[in-house]
Amino acid sequence: MKISFLIHTVYGIGGTIRTTLNLAEELADRHEIEIVSAFRHRAIPLFDIDPRITVVPLVDTRPKSPESARKHPLHQRPSEVFPRFEARYQEYSELTDQRVRDHYEASDADVVIGTRPGLVAYAAEFAPRGAVVIGQEHMTHTITSRSSARRCGRIF
């Protein structure tokens, strides 16, 4: 079975990244695992990543990288899929929409796991036909506003 985690970035440090890597490493014993990182903002991830796990960065935002998409015309236009109420909405663009869509159109993933509400919206919209979509929320319920939680419930 192929399991795809969709994460904001796997290149930083934090609880969502650590828990995603922990779960991915455990599942890698029995499954093919990929971590799709919406953004790549540094050359090397801060956490070690098990070599059995494939990392797929979609939008490179490193200022000096030859692959940087910071000035790409579609990256200048807001996302049409990522929910506006999401805290990181301003970072997502039509380019992010396109890259996530293109990745999953070519994917044979059986399971797609979104690791924040906006990425669950992407997974619900773009996961391969027949794939199981799982949504995770790593913030405490005291951080998420009630109106955001209600909107999430309507989306998913």
N, C-alpha and C. Protein backbone atom coordinates (compact mmCIF):
# COMPACT_ATOMS: atom_id res chain seq x y z
N MET A 1 0.84 -1.17 0.00
CA MET A 1 0.00 0.00 0.00
C MET A 1 0.89 1.24 0.00
N LYS A 2 0.51 2.25 -0.77
CA LYS A 2 1.27 3.50 -0.81
C LYS A 2 0.53 4.56 0.00
N ILE A 3 1.26 5.15 0.96
CA ILE A 3 0.69 6.18 1.83
C ILE A 3 1.44 7.48 1.58
N SER A 4 0.68 8.54 1.33
CA SER A 4 1.23 9.85 1.04
C SER A 4 0.82 10.84 2.12
N PHE A 5 1.80 11.43 2.78
CA PHE A 5 1.53 12.48 3.75
C PHE A 5 1.69 13.82 3.04
N LEU A 6 0.73 14.70 3.18
CA LEU A 6 0.80 16.04 2.61
C LEU A 6 1.01 17.00 3.77
N ILE A 7 2.18 17.66 3.78
CA ILE A 7 2.59 18.50 4.91
C ILE A 7 2.97 19.89 4.39
N HIS A 8 2.84 20.89 5.23
CA HIS A 8 3.20 22.26 4.84
C HIS A 8 4.68 22.30 4.44
N THR A 9 5.54 21.87 5.33
CA THR A 9 6.97 21.71 5.01
C THR A 9 7.56 20.64 5.91
N VAL A 10 8.39 19.80 5.33
CA VAL A 10 9.10 18.79 6.10
C VAL A 10 10.53 19.28 6.39
N TYR A 11 10.85 20.49 5.94
CA TYR A 11 12.20 21.03 6.06
C TYR A 11 12.43 21.82 7.34
N GLY A 12 11.39 22.06 8.12
CA GLY A 12 11.52 22.85 9.36
C GLY A 12 11.63 21.97 10.58
N ILE A 13 11.19 22.54 11.68
CA ILE A 13 11.20 21.81 12.94
C ILE A 13 9.89 22.12 13.66
N GLY A 14 9.32 21.13 14.26
CA GLY A 14 8.06 21.34 14.98
C GLY A 14 7.33 20.03 15.20
N GLY A 15 6.26 20.12 15.96
CA GLY A 15 5.52 18.93 16.35
C GLY A 15 4.86 18.21 15.20
N THR A 16 4.28 18.95 14.26
CA THR A 16 3.63 18.30 13.11
C THR A 16 4.65 17.52 12.29
N ILE A 17 5.79 18.12 12.07
CA ILE A 17 6.84 17.45 11.29
C ILE A 17 7.32 16.20 12.03
N ARG A 18 7.61 16.36 13.32
CA ARG A 18 8.13 15.22 14.10
C ARG A 18 7.12 14.08 14.15
N THR A 19 5.85 14.37 14.42
CA THR A 19 4.86 13.29 14.51
C THR A 19 4.61 12.65 13.15
N THR A 20 4.66 13.45 12.08
CA THR A 20 4.51 12.88 10.74
C THR A 20 5.67 11.94 10.44
N LEU A 21 6.88 12.36 10.76
CA LEU A 21 8.05 11.49 10.52
C LEU A 21 7.98 10.23 11.38
N ASN A 22 7.57 10.35 12.63
CA ASN A 22 7.45 9.16 13.49
C ASN A 22 6.48 8.14 12.89
N LEU A 23 5.30 8.62 12.50
CA LEU A 23 4.30 7.72 11.93
C LEU A 23 4.78 7.14 10.60
N ALA A 24 5.38 7.98 9.77
CA ALA A 24 5.88 7.53 8.47
C ALA A 24 6.94 6.43 8.64
N GLU A 25 7.83 6.62 9.59
CA GLU A 25 8.88 5.62 9.83
C GLU A 25 8.28 4.29 10.28
N GLU A 26 7.30 4.33 11.14
CA GLU A 26 6.64 3.09 11.59
C GLU A 26 5.94 2.39 10.43
N LEU A 27 5.25 3.16 9.61
CA LEU A 27 4.52 2.58 8.48
C LEU A 27 5.45 2.07 7.38
N ALA A 28 6.66 2.62 7.31
CA ALA A 28 7.61 2.23 6.26
C ALA A 28 8.06 0.78 6.38
N ASP A 29 7.84 0.17 7.53
CA ASP A 29 8.16 -1.26 7.69
C ASP A 29 7.28 -2.12 6.79
N ARG A 30 6.06 -1.65 6.50
CA ARG A 30 5.09 -2.47 5.77
C ARG A 30 4.52 -1.81 4.52
N HIS A 31 4.81 -0.52 4.31
CA HIS A 31 4.19 0.21 3.21
C HIS A 31 5.19 1.12 2.50
N GLU A 32 4.82 1.52 1.29
CA GLU A 32 5.59 2.53 0.55
C GLU A 32 5.11 3.90 1.06
N ILE A 33 6.06 4.73 1.48
CA ILE A 33 5.72 6.01 2.11
C ILE A 33 6.36 7.17 1.34
N GLU A 34 5.55 8.21 1.14
CA GLU A 34 6.09 9.46 0.62
C GLU A 34 5.59 10.60 1.50
N ILE A 35 6.42 11.61 1.63
CA ILE A 35 6.01 12.85 2.29
C ILE A 35 6.08 13.94 1.23
N VAL A 36 4.92 14.50 0.93
CA VAL A 36 4.81 15.58 -0.05
C VAL A 36 4.84 16.88 0.74
N SER A 37 5.90 17.63 0.54
CA SER A 37 6.10 18.89 1.25
C SER A 37 5.64 20.02 0.34
N ALA A 38 4.57 20.70 0.72
CA ALA A 38 4.07 21.79 -0.13
C ALA A 38 5.18 22.79 -0.40
N PHE A 39 6.02 23.06 0.60
CA PHE A 39 7.08 24.06 0.44
C PHE A 39 8.43 23.49 0.83
N ARG A 40 9.44 24.04 0.19
CA ARG A 40 10.83 23.74 0.54
C ARG A 40 11.51 25.09 0.76
N HIS A 41 11.84 25.38 2.00
CA HIS A 41 12.45 26.67 2.30
C HIS A 41 13.91 26.55 2.75
N ARG A 42 14.44 25.35 2.78
CA ARG A 42 15.87 25.16 3.05
C ARG A 42 16.34 23.91 2.30
N ALA A 43 17.64 23.80 2.12
CA ALA A 43 18.20 22.71 1.32
C ALA A 43 18.03 21.34 1.97
N ILE A 44 18.25 21.28 3.26
CA ILE A 44 18.24 19.99 3.96
C ILE A 44 17.26 20.06 5.13
N PRO A 45 16.43 19.03 5.30
CA PRO A 45 15.51 19.02 6.44
C PRO A 45 16.27 19.06 7.76
N LEU A 46 15.69 19.67 8.78
CA LEU A 46 16.34 19.75 10.08
C LEU A 46 16.27 18.42 10.83
N PHE A 47 15.23 17.63 10.60
CA PHE A 47 15.14 16.29 11.18
C PHE A 47 15.72 15.29 10.18
N ASP A 48 16.33 14.23 10.70
CA ASP A 48 16.75 13.13 9.83
C ASP A 48 15.51 12.43 9.30
N ILE A 49 15.58 12.04 8.02
CA ILE A 49 14.45 11.33 7.41
C ILE A 49 14.92 9.95 7.00
N ASP A 50 14.18 8.96 7.43
CA ASP A 50 14.46 7.56 7.12
C ASP A 50 14.61 7.41 5.60
N PRO A 51 15.67 6.76 5.14
CA PRO A 51 15.88 6.62 3.69
C PRO A 51 14.80 5.82 2.96
N ARG A 52 13.96 5.10 3.70
CA ARG A 52 12.86 4.37 3.07
C ARG A 52 11.72 5.30 2.67
N ILE A 53 11.77 6.54 3.13
CA ILE A 53 10.71 7.51 2.88
C ILE A 53 11.13 8.44 1.74
N THR A 54 10.25 8.57 0.76
CA THR A 54 10.51 9.49 -0.36
C THR A 54 9.95 10.86 -0.01
N VAL A 55 10.77 11.89 -0.19
CA VAL A 55 10.33 13.26 0.05
C VAL A 55 10.13 13.95 -1.30
N VAL A 56 8.96 14.56 -1.47
CA VAL A 56 8.62 15.24 -2.72
C VAL A 56 8.31 16.70 -2.41
N PRO A 57 9.28 17.62 -2.63
CA PRO A 57 8.98 19.04 -2.44
C PRO A 57 8.26 19.58 -3.67
N LEU A 58 7.26 20.43 -3.45
CA LEU A 58 6.47 20.93 -4.58
C LEU A 58 6.80 22.36 -4.98
N VAL A 59 6.91 23.26 -4.03
CA VAL A 59 7.18 24.67 -4.35
C VAL A 59 8.42 25.10 -3.57
N ASP A 60 9.48 25.36 -4.30
CA ASP A 60 10.75 25.78 -3.70
C ASP A 60 10.68 27.29 -3.45
N THR A 61 10.86 27.70 -2.19
CA THR A 61 10.81 29.12 -1.86
C THR A 61 12.15 29.64 -1.36
N ARG A 62 13.21 28.88 -1.56
CA ARG A 62 14.55 29.33 -1.16
C ARG A 62 14.96 30.49 -2.05
N PRO A 63 15.32 31.62 -1.47
CA PRO A 63 15.62 32.81 -2.28
C PRO A 63 16.72 32.63 -3.31
N LYS A 64 17.76 31.89 -3.00
CA LYS A 64 18.90 31.76 -3.91
C LYS A 64 18.90 30.46 -4.71
N SER A 65 17.85 29.70 -4.62
CA SER A 65 17.77 28.43 -5.34
C SER A 65 17.44 28.68 -6.81
N PRO A 66 18.10 27.97 -7.72
CA PRO A 66 17.74 28.09 -9.14
C PRO A 66 16.33 27.58 -9.43
N GLU A 67 15.80 26.73 -8.54
CA GLU A 67 14.44 26.21 -8.71
C GLU A 67 13.39 27.08 -7.99
N SER A 68 13.82 28.17 -7.39
CA SER A 68 12.90 28.99 -6.60
C SER A 68 11.70 29.44 -7.43
N ALA A 69 10.53 29.30 -6.83
CA ALA A 69 9.29 29.69 -7.50
C ALA A 69 8.74 30.99 -6.91
N ARG A 70 9.51 31.66 -6.09
CA ARG A 70 9.03 32.86 -5.42
C ARG A 70 8.50 33.92 -6.39
N LYS A 71 9.08 34.00 -7.58
CA LYS A 71 8.65 35.01 -8.55
C LYS A 71 7.78 34.44 -9.67
N HIS A 72 7.44 33.18 -9.55
CA HIS A 72 6.58 32.55 -10.57
C HIS A 72 5.24 33.29 -10.60
N PRO A 73 4.73 33.61 -11.79
CA PRO A 73 3.47 34.36 -11.88
C PRO A 73 2.30 33.73 -11.12
N LEU A 74 2.19 32.41 -11.14
CA LEU A 74 1.09 31.77 -10.42
C LEU A 74 1.28 31.83 -8.90
N HIS A 75 2.52 32.00 -8.47
CA HIS A 75 2.77 32.10 -7.03
C HIS A 75 2.39 33.48 -6.50
N GLN A 76 2.15 34.40 -7.39
CA GLN A 76 1.73 35.75 -7.01
C GLN A 76 0.21 35.85 -6.85
N ARG A 77 -0.50 34.82 -7.28
CA ARG A 77 -1.97 34.83 -7.23
C ARG A 77 -2.44 33.91 -6.11
N PRO A 78 -3.45 34.32 -5.34
CA PRO A 78 -3.89 33.51 -4.19
C PRO A 78 -4.49 32.16 -4.61
N SER A 79 -4.38 31.23 -3.70
CA SER A 79 -4.96 29.90 -3.92
C SER A 79 -6.46 29.99 -4.12
N GLU A 80 -6.95 29.11 -4.97
CA GLU A 80 -8.40 29.00 -5.18
C GLU A 80 -8.97 27.80 -4.42
N VAL A 81 -8.09 26.98 -3.81
CA VAL A 81 -8.53 25.76 -3.13
C VAL A 81 -8.24 25.81 -1.63
N PHE A 82 -7.09 26.28 -1.25
CA PHE A 82 -6.70 26.33 0.17
C PHE A 82 -7.65 27.28 0.90
N PRO A 83 -8.28 26.84 2.00
CA PRO A 83 -9.30 27.66 2.67
C PRO A 83 -8.76 29.00 3.20
N ARG A 84 -9.50 30.05 2.96
CA ARG A 84 -9.10 31.40 3.40
C ARG A 84 -8.99 31.52 4.91
N PHE A 85 -9.76 30.76 5.66
CA PHE A 85 -9.72 30.87 7.12
C PHE A 85 -8.48 30.24 7.73
N GLU A 86 -7.74 29.47 6.95
CA GLU A 86 -6.56 28.79 7.45
C GLU A 86 -5.46 29.80 7.77
N ALA A 87 -4.74 29.58 8.87
CA ALA A 87 -3.71 30.52 9.32
C ALA A 87 -2.63 30.78 8.27
N ARG A 88 -2.30 29.80 7.47
CA ARG A 88 -1.22 29.95 6.49
C ARG A 88 -1.72 30.27 5.08
N TYR A 89 -2.96 30.70 4.97
CA TYR A 89 -3.56 30.96 3.65
C TYR A 89 -2.67 31.84 2.76
N GLN A 90 -2.08 32.88 3.32
CA GLN A 90 -1.29 33.83 2.52
C GLN A 90 -0.09 33.17 1.84
N GLU A 91 0.36 32.03 2.32
CA GLU A 91 1.52 31.35 1.74
C GLU A 91 1.14 30.49 0.53
N TYR A 92 -0.14 30.20 0.39
CA TYR A 92 -0.59 29.31 -0.68
C TYR A 92 -1.05 30.11 -1.88
N SER A 93 -0.88 29.54 -3.04
CA SER A 93 -1.13 30.27 -4.28
C SER A 93 -1.71 29.34 -5.34
N GLU A 94 -2.01 29.92 -6.49
CA GLU A 94 -2.45 29.08 -7.61
C GLU A 94 -1.34 28.11 -8.01
N LEU A 95 -0.09 28.49 -7.82
CA LEU A 95 1.01 27.57 -8.12
C LEU A 95 0.97 26.37 -7.18
N THR A 96 0.72 26.62 -5.90
CA THR A 96 0.61 25.51 -4.94
C THR A 96 -0.55 24.60 -5.34
N ASP A 97 -1.69 25.22 -5.68
CA ASP A 97 -2.85 24.43 -6.15
C ASP A 97 -2.43 23.52 -7.31
N GLN A 98 -1.76 24.12 -8.29
CA GLN A 98 -1.37 23.39 -9.49
C GLN A 98 -0.39 22.26 -9.18
N ARG A 99 0.60 22.54 -8.35
CA ARG A 99 1.62 21.53 -8.05
C ARG A 99 1.03 20.36 -7.26
N VAL A 100 0.14 20.64 -6.32
CA VAL A 100 -0.50 19.56 -5.56
C VAL A 100 -1.39 18.75 -6.50
N ARG A 101 -2.18 19.43 -7.33
CA ARG A 101 -3.05 18.74 -8.29
C ARG A 101 -2.22 17.85 -9.22
N ASP A 102 -1.17 18.41 -9.81
CA ASP A 102 -0.33 17.65 -10.74
C ASP A 102 0.31 16.43 -10.07
N HIS A 103 0.77 16.62 -8.84
CA HIS A 103 1.41 15.49 -8.15
C HIS A 103 0.42 14.35 -7.97
N TYR A 104 -0.77 14.66 -7.47
CA TYR A 104 -1.72 13.59 -7.18
C TYR A 104 -2.41 13.04 -8.43
N GLU A 105 -2.45 13.81 -9.51
CA GLU A 105 -2.97 13.25 -10.77
C GLU A 105 -2.07 12.13 -11.28
N ALA A 106 -0.78 12.24 -11.01
CA ALA A 106 0.17 11.23 -11.45
C ALA A 106 0.46 10.17 -10.38
N SER A 107 -0.18 10.30 -9.23
CA SER A 107 0.12 9.44 -8.09
C SER A 107 -0.70 8.15 -8.09
N ASP A 108 -0.11 7.12 -7.51
CA ASP A 108 -0.83 5.87 -7.29
C ASP A 108 -1.03 5.63 -5.79
N ALA A 109 -1.09 6.71 -5.01
CA ALA A 109 -1.27 6.59 -3.57
C ALA A 109 -2.63 5.95 -3.24
N ASP A 110 -2.60 5.07 -2.27
CA ASP A 110 -3.83 4.44 -1.78
C ASP A 110 -4.45 5.24 -0.64
N VAL A 111 -3.59 5.98 0.07
CA VAL A 111 -4.02 6.79 1.21
C VAL A 111 -3.31 8.13 1.12
N VAL A 112 -4.06 9.22 1.33
CA VAL A 112 -3.47 10.56 1.39
C VAL A 112 -3.86 11.16 2.73
N ILE A 113 -2.85 11.58 3.48
CA ILE A 113 -3.07 12.14 4.82
C ILE A 113 -2.68 13.61 4.80
N GLY A 114 -3.67 14.48 4.98
CA GLY A 114 -3.42 15.92 5.10
C GLY A 114 -3.14 16.24 6.56
N THR A 115 -2.10 17.05 6.82
CA THR A 115 -1.64 17.26 8.19
C THR A 115 -2.06 18.60 8.79
N ARG A 116 -2.92 19.33 8.12
CA ARG A 116 -3.54 20.54 8.66
C ARG A 116 -4.81 20.77 7.86
N PRO A 117 -5.77 21.53 8.37
CA PRO A 117 -7.06 21.65 7.68
C PRO A 117 -6.97 22.05 6.20
N GLY A 118 -6.13 23.01 5.87
CA GLY A 118 -6.02 23.41 4.47
C GLY A 118 -5.48 22.31 3.58
N LEU A 119 -4.58 21.51 4.12
CA LEU A 119 -4.03 20.41 3.34
C LEU A 119 -5.01 19.26 3.24
N VAL A 120 -5.90 19.16 4.20
CA VAL A 120 -6.98 18.18 4.09
C VAL A 120 -7.91 18.59 2.95
N ALA A 121 -8.13 19.90 2.82
CA ALA A 121 -8.94 20.40 1.69
C ALA A 121 -8.27 20.02 0.37
N TYR A 122 -6.96 20.19 0.28
CA TYR A 122 -6.22 19.77 -0.92
C TYR A 122 -6.38 18.27 -1.15
N ALA A 123 -6.19 17.48 -0.09
CA ALA A 123 -6.29 16.03 -0.24
C ALA A 123 -7.68 15.63 -0.71
N ALA A 124 -8.70 16.26 -0.13
CA ALA A 124 -10.08 15.94 -0.53
C ALA A 124 -10.33 16.29 -1.99
N GLU A 125 -9.72 17.37 -2.45
CA GLU A 125 -9.91 17.83 -3.83
C GLU A 125 -9.08 17.04 -4.84
N PHE A 126 -7.84 16.69 -4.47
CA PHE A 126 -6.89 16.20 -5.46
C PHE A 126 -6.41 14.76 -5.29
N ALA A 127 -6.75 14.09 -4.20
CA ALA A 127 -6.27 12.72 -4.00
C ALA A 127 -6.67 11.83 -5.18
N PRO A 128 -5.86 10.84 -5.49
CA PRO A 128 -6.22 9.93 -6.57
C PRO A 128 -7.59 9.29 -6.34
N ARG A 129 -8.28 9.06 -7.43
CA ARG A 129 -9.62 8.43 -7.35
C ARG A 129 -9.51 7.11 -6.60
N GLY A 130 -10.37 6.91 -5.63
CA GLY A 130 -10.39 5.68 -4.86
C GLY A 130 -9.48 5.69 -3.64
N ALA A 131 -8.63 6.71 -3.51
CA ALA A 131 -7.74 6.78 -2.34
C ALA A 131 -8.54 7.15 -1.10
N VAL A 132 -8.10 6.64 0.02
CA VAL A 132 -8.66 7.03 1.31
C VAL A 132 -8.00 8.34 1.71
N VAL A 133 -8.81 9.31 2.12
CA VAL A 133 -8.29 10.61 2.57
C VAL A 133 -8.47 10.71 4.08
N ILE A 134 -7.38 11.01 4.76
CA ILE A 134 -7.39 11.15 6.22
C ILE A 134 -6.96 12.57 6.55
N GLY A 135 -7.70 13.21 7.46
CA GLY A 135 -7.35 14.55 7.90
C GLY A 135 -6.83 14.55 9.31
N GLN A 136 -5.76 15.29 9.52
CA GLN A 136 -5.19 15.44 10.86
C GLN A 136 -5.21 16.92 11.22
N GLU A 137 -5.28 17.21 12.51
CA GLU A 137 -5.13 18.56 13.03
C GLU A 137 -4.17 18.46 14.21
N HIS A 138 -3.09 19.18 14.15
CA HIS A 138 -2.06 19.09 15.18
C HIS A 138 -2.10 20.23 16.19
N MET A 139 -2.97 21.19 15.98
CA MET A 139 -3.09 22.30 16.93
C MET A 139 -4.08 21.91 18.02
N THR A 140 -3.94 22.53 19.18
CA THR A 140 -4.89 22.26 20.25
C THR A 140 -6.21 22.93 19.94
N HIS A 141 -7.27 22.42 20.51
CA HIS A 141 -8.60 22.97 20.24
C HIS A 141 -8.73 24.40 20.75
N THR A 142 -7.87 24.82 21.68
CA THR A 142 -7.94 26.19 22.17
C THR A 142 -7.34 27.18 21.18
N ILE A 143 -6.55 26.71 20.24
CA ILE A 143 -5.94 27.58 19.24
C ILE A 143 -6.90 27.81 18.07
N THR A 144 -7.61 26.78 17.67
CA THR A 144 -8.51 26.88 16.53
C THR A 144 -9.78 27.60 16.95
N SER A 145 -10.12 28.65 16.23
CA SER A 145 -11.33 29.39 16.58
C SER A 145 -12.56 28.55 16.27
N ARG A 146 -13.64 28.84 16.98
CA ARG A 146 -14.88 28.09 16.74
C ARG A 146 -15.39 28.29 15.32
N SER A 147 -15.26 29.51 14.80
CA SER A 147 -15.75 29.73 13.44
C SER A 147 -14.91 28.95 12.43
N SER A 148 -13.60 28.85 12.67
CA SER A 148 -12.75 28.05 11.78
C SER A 148 -13.13 26.58 11.87
N ALA A 149 -13.37 26.10 13.07
CA ALA A 149 -13.75 24.70 13.24
C ALA A 149 -15.07 24.41 12.54
N ARG A 150 -16.03 25.33 12.64
CA ARG A 150 -17.30 25.14 11.95
C ARG A 150 -17.10 25.11 10.44
N ARG A 151 -16.26 26.01 9.93
CA ARG A 151 -15.99 26.03 8.48
C ARG A 151 -15.33 24.74 8.04
N CYS A 152 -14.41 24.24 8.85
CA CYS A 152 -13.74 22.97 8.55
C CYS A 152 -14.77 21.86 8.44
N GLY A 153 -15.70 21.84 9.37
CA GLY A 153 -16.73 20.81 9.35
C GLY A 153 -17.56 20.86 8.08
N ARG A 154 -17.82 22.05 7.57
CA ARG A 154 -18.59 22.18 6.33
C ARG A 154 -17.77 21.74 5.12
N ILE A 155 -16.48 21.99 5.13
CA ILE A 155 -15.64 21.62 4.00
C ILE A 155 -15.47 20.12 3.92
N PHE A 156 -15.23 19.50 5.06
CA PHE A 156 -14.89 18.09 5.07
C PHE A 156 -16.08 17.25 5.45
